[in-house]
Protein backbone atom coordinates (compact mmCIF):
# COMPACT_ATOMS: atom_id res chain seq x y z
CA MET A 1 -50.37 52.49 122.73
CA THR A 2 -53.51 51.25 123.81
CA GLU A 3 -54.83 47.58 124.62
CA LEU A 4 -57.22 48.37 122.29
CA ALA A 5 -54.72 49.23 119.08
CA LEU A 6 -52.45 46.48 120.11
CA GLU A 7 -55.68 43.52 119.65
CA GLN A 8 -56.55 45.36 116.44
CA ILE A 9 -52.83 45.10 115.43
CA LYS A 10 -52.83 41.49 116.38
CA GLN A 11 -55.84 40.66 114.56
CA GLU A 12 -54.65 42.46 111.42
CA ASN A 13 -51.29 40.54 111.91
CA LYS A 14 -52.12 37.02 112.88
CA ALA A 15 -50.14 35.06 110.43
CA ILE A 16 -46.41 37.29 111.99
CA PHE A 17 -47.56 37.04 115.78
CA SER A 18 -48.25 33.00 115.43
CA GLN A 19 -44.73 32.69 113.28
CA GLN A 20 -43.34 34.74 116.60
CA LYS A 21 -44.54 32.39 119.01
CA ARG A 22 -43.52 29.11 116.94
CA TYR A 23 -39.87 30.87 116.58
CA LEU A 24 -39.98 31.27 120.49
CA THR A 25 -41.39 27.99 121.48
CA ILE A 26 -38.11 26.54 119.34
CA VAL A 27 -35.47 28.93 120.28
CA ALA A 28 -36.89 27.81 123.57
CA VAL A 29 -36.52 23.92 123.23
CA LEU A 30 -33.12 24.29 121.36
CA ALA A 31 -31.62 26.09 124.39
CA SER A 32 -33.31 23.56 127.29
CA SER A 33 -32.05 20.77 124.97
CA VAL A 34 -28.37 22.38 124.55
CA LEU A 35 -28.76 22.76 128.57
CA VAL A 36 -29.73 19.61 129.27
CA TYR A 37 -27.27 17.81 126.56
CA TYR A 38 -24.16 19.47 128.47
CA SER A 39 -25.19 18.55 131.99
CA LEU A 40 -25.57 14.69 131.10
CA PHE A 41 -22.15 15.33 129.53
CA PHE A 42 -20.65 17.03 132.41
CA THR A 43 -22.29 14.55 135.18
CA PHE A 44 -21.20 11.73 132.74
CA PHE A 45 -17.21 12.48 132.57
CA GLY A 46 -17.35 13.68 136.46
CA VAL A 47 -16.91 17.50 135.74
CA SER A 48 -17.07 19.01 139.09
CA SER A 49 -18.98 22.32 139.10
CA LYS A 50 -15.47 23.78 140.78
CA GLN A 51 -13.45 23.00 137.31
CA PHE A 52 -16.69 24.06 135.23
CA GLU A 53 -16.26 27.76 137.26
CA MET A 54 -12.42 27.80 136.42
CA GLY A 55 -13.07 26.57 132.50
CA ASN A 56 -15.37 29.30 132.23
CA SER A 57 -13.34 31.55 133.57
CA LYS A 58 -10.51 31.16 131.87
CA ILE A 59 -12.55 31.00 128.48
CA MET A 60 -14.18 34.17 129.40
CA SER A 61 -10.94 36.01 130.10
CA TYR A 62 -9.70 34.56 126.71
CA PHE A 63 -12.31 36.12 125.29
CA LEU A 64 -11.69 39.45 126.93
CA HIS A 65 -8.71 39.55 126.52
CA MET A 66 -8.66 38.91 122.62
CA PHE A 67 -11.22 42.06 121.64
CA VAL A 68 -9.35 44.33 123.70
CA TRP A 69 -8.47 47.01 120.89
CA ARG A 70 -4.98 48.20 122.18
CA ASP A 71 -3.14 51.23 120.89
CA PHE A 72 -6.40 52.15 118.87
CA TRP A 73 -5.43 55.61 117.96
CA ASP A 74 -1.99 54.64 116.28
CA TRP A 75 -3.93 52.24 114.07
CA PRO A 76 -3.25 53.51 110.21
CA PHE A 77 -6.55 54.21 109.23
CA ALA A 78 -5.02 56.54 106.34
CA ILE A 79 -3.18 54.13 104.63
CA THR A 80 -6.01 51.79 104.92
CA LEU A 81 -8.51 54.25 103.86
CA ASN A 82 -5.77 55.02 101.03
CA LYS A 83 -6.04 51.59 99.61
CA LEU A 84 -9.71 51.25 99.70
CA ARG A 85 -10.21 54.43 96.98
């Protein structure tokens, strides 16, 4: 797509592009406020970076183990599909 065509699309759809910019600004402000909040929270309650790292690794391993599909080929899909009919 050429730059001229892109400019024409932007001029024809000004409302959409202004909403996109506003949306991205709101998302950036919310993400930075959450980051600041948790930084202050961890600083206030004395959570060290080592504790933070250990906690994150435990939570991530929990989620990774939670979403593992074990024995996927042995799941009773035929029974489930027959119940839906």
